[in-house]
Amino acid sequence: MLVSVIVPFYKGNKYICDLCSSIEKNAQYLNENQSDCFIECIIVNDSPDVNVILPDNDFHFKIQVVYHEKNAGIQQARVTGLKFAKGDYIVFLDQDDELLEHAIFEEISYISDYDLLIGNAWIENELKQRNILYKTKGSKKNVLSLGAYIYGHNRIISPGHCLIRRESIPLEWKKFIMDVNGSDDLFLWVLMFSKNARIQFMDKVVYVHKYTGNNLSAEENKMSVSSFSMGEYLDKVSYVNKKTIYILKKSRAFAIDYSKCSIGKKILLVFKNIDIIVGRIYFKIRDIF
């Protein structure tokens, strides 16, 4: 069995040593536990003016660097990686994040006949303190509910804490490359939910989402814009429910408009989007318990 770890690279040589170390620890853990699973890593360089500098080490996994001729964005980098990957399962890992050493062993042991396995994760803050991502029963239910994704936000902080059966990745996700970066992974999850993929949650922590210092409010607005633009691609997919697309577009349009308008207009927006607000409140309350 082979797992392909696909890493979009953008001027990220400062992360490469830690990235390779993280994958190497997983490869060694698999070997020590006599697993019949092996790892390959596909790094897709989406910054053509910068060469990827790999550590001069002997790894227990195969590593390949693929170069884009021009910058094409993170979704295209992931899709390019899929073209070179040979694995039965896929992990889309960001260049600055970390897999815990037992991650792939635990995921392969748990995935069974599921198409998508979502593991728990540590979220690192600016003080390098770590908090668990899914703490409550409700938050673990929400990650398996399409409604939580379309009314609110992407429940999966990064595809790095997911193991995906390669053959279950929808063709439409590989065909329709989003123009606005940020929500290509949400696009993937919506498609998989809509195709009735077999999705499961595993409570074991497998991943660390590193703190990068990005402004959260600006990042949320960027994600809302990207998610709204995703609607035009979903419109092209016959098996996606029209109500799903309507709610997603309305939810993101509300978030974008609310962040920019005056107090008076905010009140009007609330009345116009009461259905979205009720949906968001429902999933937020479930997150608590």
Protein backbone atom coordinates (compact mmCIF):
# COMPACT_ATOMS: atom_id res chain seq x y z
CA MET A 1 0.00 0.00 0.00
CA LEU A 2 1.28 3.45 -0.90
CA VAL A 3 0.34 6.87 0.50
CA SER A 4 1.19 9.93 -1.60
CA VAL A 5 1.87 13.11 0.36
CA ILE A 6 1.37 16.03 -2.04
CA VAL A 7 2.88 19.36 -1.00
CA PRO A 8 2.29 22.61 -2.92
CA PHE A 9 5.50 24.67 -2.62
CA TYR A 10 5.67 28.44 -2.90
CA LYS A 11 9.00 30.05 -1.97
CA GLY A 12 9.06 27.73 1.03
CA ASN A 13 12.64 26.51 1.39
CA LYS A 14 12.68 27.59 5.04
CA TYR A 15 10.04 24.90 5.71
CA ILE A 16 11.58 22.04 3.70
CA CYS A 17 13.79 20.53 6.43
CA ASP A 18 10.93 20.36 8.93
CA LEU A 19 8.57 19.06 6.25
CA CYS A 20 10.91 16.23 5.23
CA SER A 21 11.61 15.41 8.89
CA SER A 22 7.86 15.12 9.57
CA ILE A 23 7.36 12.73 6.65
CA GLU A 24 10.51 10.76 7.51
CA LYS A 25 9.27 10.17 11.07
CA ASN A 26 6.06 8.75 9.61
CA ALA A 27 8.00 6.48 7.26
CA GLN A 28 10.15 5.21 10.13
CA TYR A 29 7.09 4.68 12.36
CA LEU A 30 5.47 2.58 9.64
CA ASN A 31 8.65 0.54 9.29
CA GLU A 32 9.04 0.03 13.04
CA ASN A 33 5.46 -1.16 13.34
CA GLN A 34 5.91 -3.63 10.50
CA SER A 35 3.30 -1.98 8.35
CA ASP A 36 2.96 -2.88 4.67
CA CYS A 37 2.34 0.81 3.95
CA PHE A 38 4.93 3.06 2.29
CA ILE A 39 5.13 6.78 1.60
CA GLU A 40 6.05 8.89 -1.38
CA CYS A 41 6.22 12.69 -1.35
CA ILE A 42 5.42 14.85 -4.38
CA ILE A 43 6.50 18.49 -3.99
CA VAL A 44 4.94 20.75 -6.62
CA ASN A 45 6.93 23.95 -7.03
CA ASP A 46 4.46 26.71 -7.85
CA SER A 47 7.17 29.41 -7.65
CA PRO A 48 9.18 28.87 -10.85
CA ASP A 49 11.75 31.55 -9.96
CA VAL A 50 12.83 29.58 -6.86
CA ASN A 51 14.40 26.12 -6.80
CA VAL A 52 13.40 23.61 -4.12
CA ILE A 53 16.41 22.83 -1.94
CA LEU A 54 16.08 19.36 -0.42
CA PRO A 55 18.08 18.18 2.62
CA ASP A 56 21.06 16.01 1.75
CA ASN A 57 19.67 12.99 3.60
CA ASP A 58 18.80 9.38 2.89
CA PHE A 59 15.07 9.11 3.46
CA HIS A 60 12.87 6.07 4.07
CA PHE A 61 10.42 7.48 1.51
CA LYS A 62 10.59 8.46 -2.14
CA ILE A 63 10.58 12.15 -2.91
CA GLN A 64 9.98 13.88 -6.23
CA VAL A 65 9.93 17.57 -7.13
CA VAL A 66 7.68 18.74 -9.97
CA TYR A 67 7.97 22.25 -11.39
CA HIS A 68 5.23 24.52 -12.75
CA GLU A 69 6.37 26.74 -15.62
CA LYS A 70 4.33 29.56 -14.13
CA ASN A 71 2.48 30.21 -10.88
CA ALA A 72 -0.89 28.47 -11.07
CA GLY A 73 -2.23 28.51 -7.50
CA ILE A 74 -2.61 25.92 -4.78
CA GLN A 75 -5.45 23.88 -6.30
CA GLN A 76 -3.60 23.41 -9.59
CA ALA A 77 -0.48 22.45 -7.61
CA ARG A 78 -2.47 19.75 -5.81
CA VAL A 79 -4.01 18.53 -9.06
CA THR A 80 -0.57 18.44 -10.70
CA GLY A 81 0.67 16.40 -7.76
CA LEU A 82 -2.14 13.91 -8.32
CA LYS A 83 -0.96 13.37 -11.90
CA PHE A 84 2.44 12.20 -10.63
CA ALA A 85 1.24 10.40 -7.50
CA LYS A 86 1.06 6.62 -7.50
CA GLY A 87 -0.50 6.13 -4.07
CA ASP A 88 -3.76 4.44 -3.16
CA TYR A 89 -4.34 7.23 -0.64
CA ILE A 90 -3.58 10.95 -0.71
CA VAL A 91 -2.55 13.48 1.94
CA PHE A 92 -2.55 17.12 0.81
CA LEU A 93 -0.04 18.71 3.18
CA ASP A 94 0.82 22.42 3.32
CA GLN A 95 4.52 23.27 3.20
CA ASP A 96 4.54 24.85 6.69
CA ASP A 97 2.52 22.25 8.58
CA GLU A 98 3.40 19.08 10.42
CA LEU A 99 2.23 15.49 10.56
CA LEU A 100 2.69 13.76 13.90
CA GLU A 101 4.96 10.74 13.57
CA HIS A 102 2.15 8.18 13.93
CA ALA A 103 -0.33 10.03 11.68
CA ILE A 104 -0.26 7.91 8.54
CA PHE A 105 -0.04 4.65 10.51
CA GLU A 106 -3.13 5.58 12.54
CA GLU A 107 -5.06 6.79 9.49
CA ILE A 108 -4.31 3.72 7.39
CA SER A 109 -5.23 1.47 10.33
CA TYR A 110 -8.59 3.27 10.75
CA ILE A 111 -9.79 4.16 7.26
CA SER A 112 -11.29 0.76 6.36
CA ASP A 113 -13.62 1.28 3.37
CA TYR A 114 -14.15 5.02 3.92
CA ASP A 115 -13.40 7.52 1.17
CA LEU A 116 -12.33 10.33 3.47
CA LEU A 117 -10.94 10.10 7.00
CA ILE A 118 -10.74 13.31 9.04
CA GLY A 119 -8.33 13.21 11.98
CA ASN A 120 -8.17 15.56 14.93
CA ALA A 121 -5.50 18.27 15.04
CA TRP A 122 -3.56 20.67 17.21
CA ILE A 123 -3.99 24.38 16.42
CA GLU A 124 -0.94 26.44 17.29
CA ASN A 125 -1.32 30.08 18.42
CA GLU A 126 1.14 32.98 18.37
CA LEU A 127 2.65 31.81 21.70
CA LYS A 128 3.27 28.34 20.20
CA GLN A 129 0.60 26.94 22.53
CA ARG A 130 -1.54 24.14 21.09
CA ASN A 131 -5.28 23.71 21.37
CA ILE A 132 -7.32 20.75 20.17
CA LEU A 133 -9.43 21.43 17.08
CA TYR A 134 -12.46 19.22 17.77
CA LYS A 135 -13.17 19.30 21.51
CA THR A 136 -16.88 18.53 21.89
CA LYS A 137 -19.30 15.89 20.65
CA GLY A 138 -21.09 18.60 18.67
CA SER A 139 -17.94 19.78 16.88
CA LYS A 140 -17.24 16.16 15.90
CA LYS A 141 -20.79 15.87 14.52
CA ASN A 142 -20.44 19.15 12.63
CA VAL A 143 -17.33 17.98 10.78
CA LEU A 144 -19.47 15.20 9.28
CA SER A 145 -22.40 17.48 8.37
CA LEU A 146 -22.49 19.28 5.01
CA GLY A 147 -24.76 21.96 6.50
CA ALA A 148 -22.01 23.09 8.87
CA TYR A 149 -19.73 23.77 5.90
CA ILE A 150 -22.19 25.69 3.77
CA TYR A 151 -23.88 27.78 6.48
CA GLY A 152 -20.68 28.62 8.29
CA HIS A 153 -17.05 27.92 7.53
CA ASN A 154 -14.86 25.07 6.38
CA ARG A 155 -14.85 22.65 9.31
CA ILE A 156 -11.57 21.09 8.16
CA ILE A 157 -8.78 23.53 8.96
CA SER A 158 -6.46 21.94 6.42
CA PRO A 159 -6.54 18.85 4.21
CA GLY A 160 -3.31 17.87 6.00
CA HIS A 161 -5.30 16.12 8.73
CA CYS A 162 -7.26 14.10 6.18
CA LEU A 163 -6.55 10.84 4.40
CA ILE A 164 -8.33 10.59 1.05
CA ARG A 165 -8.91 7.51 -1.04
CA ARG A 166 -7.44 8.54 -4.36
CA GLU A 167 -10.15 6.97 -6.53
CA SER A 168 -12.80 8.91 -4.57
CA ILE A 169 -11.51 12.36 -5.52
CA PRO A 170 -14.18 13.76 -7.87
CA LEU A 171 -13.19 14.39 -11.49
CA GLU A 172 -14.88 17.81 -11.32
CA TRP A 173 -12.46 18.98 -8.63
CA LYS A 174 -9.53 18.16 -10.92
CA LYS A 175 -11.24 19.75 -13.93
CA PHE A 176 -12.55 23.04 -12.52
CA ILE A 177 -9.59 25.02 -11.16
CA MET A 178 -10.75 27.95 -9.06
CA ASP A 179 -9.57 31.45 -10.01
CA VAL A 180 -9.61 32.71 -6.41
CA ASN A 181 -7.26 30.86 -4.05
CA GLY A 182 -8.35 29.77 -0.59
CA SER A 183 -11.35 27.45 -0.79
CA ASP A 184 -10.25 24.69 -3.15
CA ASP A 185 -10.30 22.22 -0.25
CA LEU A 186 -13.84 23.30 0.71
CA PHE A 187 -14.75 22.74 -2.95
CA LEU A 188 -13.41 19.19 -2.64
CA TRP A 189 -15.35 18.45 0.56
CA VAL A 190 -18.64 19.83 -0.84
CA LEU A 191 -18.24 17.65 -3.93
CA MET A 192 -17.48 14.57 -1.84
CA PHE A 193 -20.45 15.15 0.48
CA SER A 194 -22.68 15.72 -2.55
CA LYS A 195 -21.52 12.43 -4.10
CA ASN A 196 -22.43 10.64 -0.84
CA ALA A 197 -18.82 9.71 -0.20
CA ARG A 198 -18.19 7.60 2.89
CA ILE A 199 -16.73 10.08 5.37
CA GLN A 200 -15.55 9.28 8.89
CA PHE A 201 -13.99 11.15 11.81
CA MET A 202 -11.08 9.81 13.87
CA ASP A 203 -10.53 11.45 17.26
CA LYS A 204 -6.79 10.79 17.37
CA VAL A 205 -4.63 13.87 16.77
CA VAL A 206 -2.52 13.43 13.64
CA TYR A 207 -1.54 16.95 12.60
CA VAL A 208 -0.30 20.35 13.78
CA HIS A 209 -1.57 23.53 12.12
CA LYS A 210 1.29 25.99 12.59
CA TYR A 211 0.77 29.64 13.46
CA THR A 212 1.82 31.83 10.52
CA GLY A 213 0.86 35.30 11.79
CA ASN A 214 -1.82 35.99 9.19
CA ASN A 215 -4.49 38.52 10.09
CA LEU A 216 -7.52 36.37 10.88
CA SER A 217 -10.20 38.90 9.89
CA ALA A 218 -8.51 39.55 6.54
CA GLU A 219 -8.07 35.82 6.04
CA GLU A 220 -11.75 35.13 6.79
CA ASN A 221 -12.85 37.75 4.26
CA LYS A 222 -10.51 36.28 1.65
CA MET A 223 -11.95 32.82 2.29
CA SER A 224 -15.50 34.16 1.98
CA VAL A 225 -14.69 35.70 -1.40
CA SER A 226 -13.08 32.46 -2.56
CA SER A 227 -16.00 30.36 -1.26
CA PHE A 228 -18.54 32.62 -2.99
CA SER A 229 -16.70 32.27 -6.30
CA MET A 230 -16.83 28.50 -5.82
CA GLY A 231 -20.56 28.65 -6.49
CA GLU A 232 -20.03 29.19 -10.21
CA TYR A 233 -18.08 25.92 -10.41
CA LEU A 234 -20.63 24.02 -8.33
CA ASP A 235 -23.31 25.20 -10.78
CA LYS A 236 -21.56 23.11 -13.44
CA VAL A 237 -21.80 19.89 -11.41
CA SER A 238 -25.07 18.02 -11.91
CA TYR A 239 -25.05 16.05 -8.65
CA VAL A 240 -24.68 19.07 -6.34
CA ASN A 241 -28.03 20.06 -4.85
CA LYS A 242 -29.15 23.55 -5.95
CA LYS A 243 -30.14 24.38 -2.39
CA THR A 244 -26.59 23.63 -1.26
CA ILE A 245 -25.24 26.12 -3.80
CA TYR A 246 -27.85 28.73 -2.87
CA ILE A 247 -27.08 28.54 0.85
CA LEU A 248 -23.32 28.61 0.31
CA LYS A 249 -23.49 31.65 -1.97
CA LYS A 250 -25.89 33.52 0.28
CA SER A 251 -23.86 32.72 3.39
CA ARG A 252 -20.61 33.99 1.86
CA ALA A 253 -22.21 37.05 0.27
CA PHE A 254 -23.63 37.95 3.71
CA ALA A 255 -20.19 37.58 5.33
CA ILE A 256 -18.51 39.74 2.66
CA ASP A 257 -21.16 42.50 2.73
CA TYR A 258 -21.42 42.54 6.54
CA SER A 259 -17.67 43.12 6.92
CA LYS A 260 -17.79 46.22 4.71
CA CYS A 261 -21.09 48.04 5.34
CA SER A 262 -22.23 50.64 7.89
CA ILE A 263 -24.13 49.85 11.09
CA GLY A 264 -27.45 50.84 9.53
CA LYS A 265 -26.93 48.56 6.57
CA LYS A 266 -25.76 45.76 8.87
CA ILE A 267 -29.21 45.71 10.50
CA LEU A 268 -30.89 45.48 7.10
CA LEU A 269 -28.53 42.68 6.07
CA VAL A 270 -29.39 40.72 9.19
CA PHE A 271 -33.12 40.83 8.36
CA LYS A 272 -32.48 39.80 4.75
CA ASN A 273 -30.29 36.88 5.85
CA ILE A 274 -32.16 35.62 8.88
CA ASP A 275 -32.24 32.09 7.45
CA ILE A 276 -28.45 32.07 7.16
CA ILE A 277 -28.02 33.48 10.67
CA VAL A 278 -30.32 30.84 12.16
CA GLY A 279 -28.35 28.11 10.39
CA ARG A 280 -25.04 29.50 11.65
CA ILE A 281 -26.33 29.79 15.20
CA TYR A 282 -27.54 26.18 15.12
CA PHE A 283 -24.12 24.82 14.17
CA LYS A 284 -22.27 27.17 16.54
CA ILE A 285 -24.44 26.05 19.45
CA ARG A 286 -23.80 22.42 18.52
CA ASP A 287 -20.07 23.18 18.55
CA ILE A 288 -20.31 24.03 22.25
CA PHE A 289 -21.83 20.78 23.48
